C-alpha atoms as a PDB file:
ATOM      1  CA  MET A   1      -9.930  -9.806  15.435  1.00  0.00           C
ATOM      2  CA  ARG A   2      -9.390  -8.837  11.808  1.00  0.00           C
ATOM      3  CA  LYS A   3      -5.984  -8.149  10.353  1.00  0.00           C
ATOM      4  CA  SER A   4      -5.095  -4.445  10.203  1.00  0.00           C
ATOM      5  CA  VAL A   5      -3.250  -3.126   7.145  1.00  0.00           C
ATOM      6  CA  LEU A   6      -1.475   0.224   6.834  1.00  0.00           C
ATOM      7  CA  VAL A   7      -2.057   1.823   3.414  1.00  0.00           C
ATOM      8  CA  VAL A   8       0.400   4.573   2.471  1.00  0.00           C
ATOM      9  CA  ALA A   9      -0.124   6.559  -0.724  1.00  0.00           C
ATOM     10  CA  GLN A  10       0.019  10.235  -1.533  1.00  0.00           C
ATOM     11  CA  GLN A  11      -3.034  10.031  -3.801  1.00  0.00           C
ATOM     12  CA  VAL A  12      -6.299  10.134  -1.837  1.00  0.00           C
ATOM     13  CA  GLN A  13      -8.253   8.222  -4.504  1.00  0.00           C
ATOM     14  CA  LEU A  14      -5.725   5.407  -4.598  1.00  0.00           C
ATOM     15  CA  ARG A  15      -5.653   5.125  -0.786  1.00  0.00           C
ATOM     16  CA  ALA A  16      -9.447   4.984  -0.785  1.00  0.00           C
ATOM     17  CA  ARG A  17      -9.573   2.326  -3.500  1.00  0.00           C
ATOM     18  CA  ILE A  18      -7.095   0.081  -1.699  1.00  0.00           C
ATOM     19  CA  ALA A  19      -8.973   0.583   1.588  1.00  0.00           C
ATOM     20  CA  ARG A  20     -12.262  -0.439  -0.092  1.00  0.00           C
ATOM     21  CA  VAL A  21     -10.621  -3.585  -1.462  1.00  0.00           C
ATOM     22  CA  LEU A  22      -9.250  -4.427   1.982  1.00  0.00           C
ATOM     23  CA  HIS A  23     -12.549  -3.778   3.761  1.00  0.00           C
ATOM     24  CA  SER A  24     -14.471  -5.934   1.281  1.00  0.00           C
ATOM     25  CA  ALA A  25     -12.032  -8.778   2.022  1.00  0.00           C
ATOM     26  CA  GLY A  26     -12.477  -8.418   5.785  1.00  0.00           C
ATOM     27  CA  TYR A  27      -9.321  -6.445   6.613  1.00  0.00           C
ATOM     28  CA  GLY A  28      -9.103  -3.255   8.632  1.00  0.00           C
ATOM     29  CA  ALA A  29      -7.245  -0.316   7.045  1.00  0.00           C
ATOM     30  CA  GLU A  30      -5.228   2.527   8.517  1.00  0.00           C
ATOM     31  CA  LEU A  31      -4.461   5.285   5.995  1.00  0.00           C
ATOM     32  CA  ALA A  32      -1.460   7.587   5.681  1.00  0.00           C
ATOM     33  CA  GLY A  33      -0.510  10.114   3.026  1.00  0.00           C
ATOM     34  CA  ASN A  34       3.060  10.777   4.123  1.00  0.00           C
ATOM     35  CA  GLN A  35       6.044   9.171   5.851  1.00  0.00           C
ATOM     36  CA  LYS A  36       5.531  10.894   9.192  1.00  0.00           C
ATOM     37  CA  ARG A  37       1.959   9.649   9.605  1.00  0.00           C
ATOM     38  CA  ALA A  38       2.898   6.177   8.338  1.00  0.00           C
ATOM     39  CA  LEU A  39       5.669   5.845  10.926  1.00  0.00           C
ATOM     40  CA  GLU A  40       3.338   7.054  13.701  1.00  0.00           C
ATOM     41  CA  LEU A  41       0.797   4.387  12.769  1.00  0.00           C
ATOM     42  CA  ALA A  42       3.510   1.738  12.371  1.00  0.00           C
ATOM     43  CA  ALA A  43       4.629   2.342  15.959  1.00  0.00           C
ATOM     44  CA  ARG A  44       1.370   0.763  17.091  1.00  0.00           C
ATOM     45  CA  LYS A  45       1.638  -2.966  17.623  1.00  0.00           C
ATOM     46  CA  ASP A  46      -1.703  -3.906  16.018  1.00  0.00           C
ATOM     47  CA  ILE A  47      -0.755  -3.453  12.335  1.00  0.00           C
ATOM     48  CA  GLN A  48       0.198  -6.715  10.660  1.00  0.00           C
ATOM     49  CA  ALA A  49       0.892  -5.538   7.097  1.00  0.00           C
ATOM     50  CA  ALA A  50       1.682  -2.390   5.122  1.00  0.00           C
ATOM     51  CA  ILE A  51       1.011  -1.466   1.507  1.00  0.00           C
ATOM     52  CA  VAL A  52       3.179   1.418   0.286  1.00  0.00           C
ATOM     53  CA  VAL A  53       2.462   2.981  -3.109  1.00  0.00           C
ATOM     54  CA  HIS A  54       5.797   3.995  -4.598  1.00  0.00           C
ATOM     55  CA  SER A  55       6.464   7.731  -5.049  1.00  0.00           C
ATOM     56  CA  THR A  56       9.412  10.082  -4.690  1.00  0.00           C
ATOM     57  CA  ASP A  57       8.159  11.454  -1.359  1.00  0.00           C
ATOM     58  CA  LEU A  58       7.719   7.953   0.056  1.00  0.00           C
ATOM     59  CA  ALA A  59      11.118   6.684  -1.089  1.00  0.00           C
ATOM     60  CA  GLY A  60      12.764   4.516   1.547  1.00  0.00           C
ATOM     61  CA  LEU A  61       9.590   4.151   3.608  1.00  0.00           C
ATOM     62  CA  ALA A  62       9.087   0.460   2.792  1.00  0.00           C
ATOM     63  CA  ARG A  63      12.572  -0.261   4.152  1.00  0.00           C
ATOM     64  CA  LYS A  64      11.807   1.645   7.378  1.00  0.00           C
ATOM     65  CA  LEU A  65       8.530  -0.199   7.857  1.00  0.00           C
ATOM     66  CA  ARG A  66      10.009  -3.664   7.335  1.00  0.00           C
ATOM     67  CA  GLY A  67      11.509  -3.639  10.811  1.00  0.00           C
ATOM     68  CA  LYS A  68       8.229  -2.594  12.434  1.00  0.00           C
ATOM     69  CA  ILE A  69       5.536  -4.436  10.451  1.00  0.00           C
ATOM     70  CA  PRO A  70       5.694  -8.161   9.580  1.00  0.00           C
ATOM     71  CA  THR A  71       4.603  -7.832   5.911  1.00  0.00           C
ATOM     72  CA  THR A  72       5.443  -4.796   3.766  1.00  0.00           C
ATOM     73  CA  ILE A  73       4.353  -4.600   0.117  1.00  0.00           C
ATOM     74  CA  LEU A  74       5.682  -1.955  -2.281  1.00  0.00           C
ATOM     75  CA  VAL A  75       3.181  -1.188  -5.067  1.00  0.00           C
ATOM     76  CA  GLY A  76       4.033   0.685  -8.240  1.00  0.00           C
ATOM     77  CA  HIS A  77       7.745  -0.064  -8.280  1.00  0.00           C
ATOM     78  CA  ARG A  78       9.219  -1.509 -11.465  1.00  0.00           C
ATOM     79  CA  THR A  79       9.679  -4.903  -9.762  1.00  0.00           C
ATOM     80  CA  ASP A  80       6.051  -4.974  -8.596  1.00  0.00           C
ATOM     81  CA  GLU A  81       3.938  -7.955  -9.672  1.00  0.00           C
ATOM     82  CA  ILE A  82       0.694  -6.439  -8.353  1.00  0.00           C
ATOM     83  CA  VAL A  83       0.462  -4.165 -11.371  1.00  0.00           C
ATOM     84  CA  ARG A  84      -1.245  -5.868 -14.307  1.00  0.00           C
ATOM     85  CA  PRO A  85       1.022  -6.782 -17.241  1.00  0.00           C
ATOM     86  CA  GLY A  86       0.919  -4.334 -20.114  1.00  0.00           C
ATOM     87  CA  HIS A  87       0.313  -1.247 -17.959  1.00  0.00           C
ATOM     88  CA  SER A  88       3.021   1.364 -17.868  1.00  0.00           C
ATOM     89  CA  LEU A  89       4.029   2.853 -14.549  1.00  0.00           C
ATOM     90  CA  GLN A  90       5.290   5.952 -16.319  1.00  0.00           C
ATOM     91  CA  GLY A  91       2.924   8.913 -16.241  1.00  0.00           C
ATOM     92  CA  THR A  92      -0.079   9.671 -14.098  1.00  0.00           C
ATOM     93  CA  ASP A  93      -1.157   8.211 -10.790  1.00  0.00           C
ATOM     94  CA  ALA A  94      -4.504   7.366 -12.405  1.00  0.00           C
ATOM     95  CA  SER A  95      -2.766   4.824 -14.630  1.00  0.00           C
ATOM     96  CA  LEU A  96      -1.433   3.057 -11.529  1.00  0.00           C
ATOM     97  CA  GLU A  97      -4.915   3.015 -10.045  1.00  0.00           C
ATOM     98  CA  GLU A  98      -6.290   1.383 -13.210  1.00  0.00           C
ATOM     99  CA  ALA A  99      -3.389  -1.077 -13.360  1.00  0.00           C
ATOM    100  CA  LEU A 100      -3.725  -2.306  -9.775  1.00  0.00           C
ATOM    101  CA  ASP A 101      -4.494  -6.033  -9.668  1.00  0.00           C
ATOM    102  CA  GLU A 102      -6.702  -6.288  -6.592  1.00  0.00           C
ATOM    103  CA  GLN A 103      -6.634 -10.095  -6.420  1.00  0.00           C
ATOM    104  CA  LYS A 104      -2.828 -10.234  -6.479  1.00  0.00           C
ATOM    105  CA  LEU A 105      -2.712  -7.521  -3.838  1.00  0.00           C
ATOM    106  CA  LEU A 106      -4.973  -9.502  -1.522  1.00  0.00           C
ATOM    107  CA  GLY A 107      -3.021 -12.655  -2.266  1.00  0.00           C
ATOM    108  CA  THR A 108       0.164 -11.095  -0.918  1.00  0.00           C
ATOM    109  CA  LEU A 109      -1.376 -10.440   2.485  1.00  0.00           C
END
């Protein structure tokens, strides 16, 4: 059985990109665009990891998921190492999508 990963991001394109990366690496992906849906999916026992893309509306979600899902990764926060060096996290969501280091992301799972 392949590992199932919860991907939580408000931006549809970013959720889709992360899901494609996961699928190409052999992972399953469950997608959520808000806290309510993320917590519903997290209540299932078959999700082994979560990737949460930092945003104001998702603030605090990573902390809530840590008790329910074994591995929780916060992407786009200022302490995040999954964002390539030299890319600013200030500004548009598109810049975060361009800055995402897919190999580092997969390495954290």
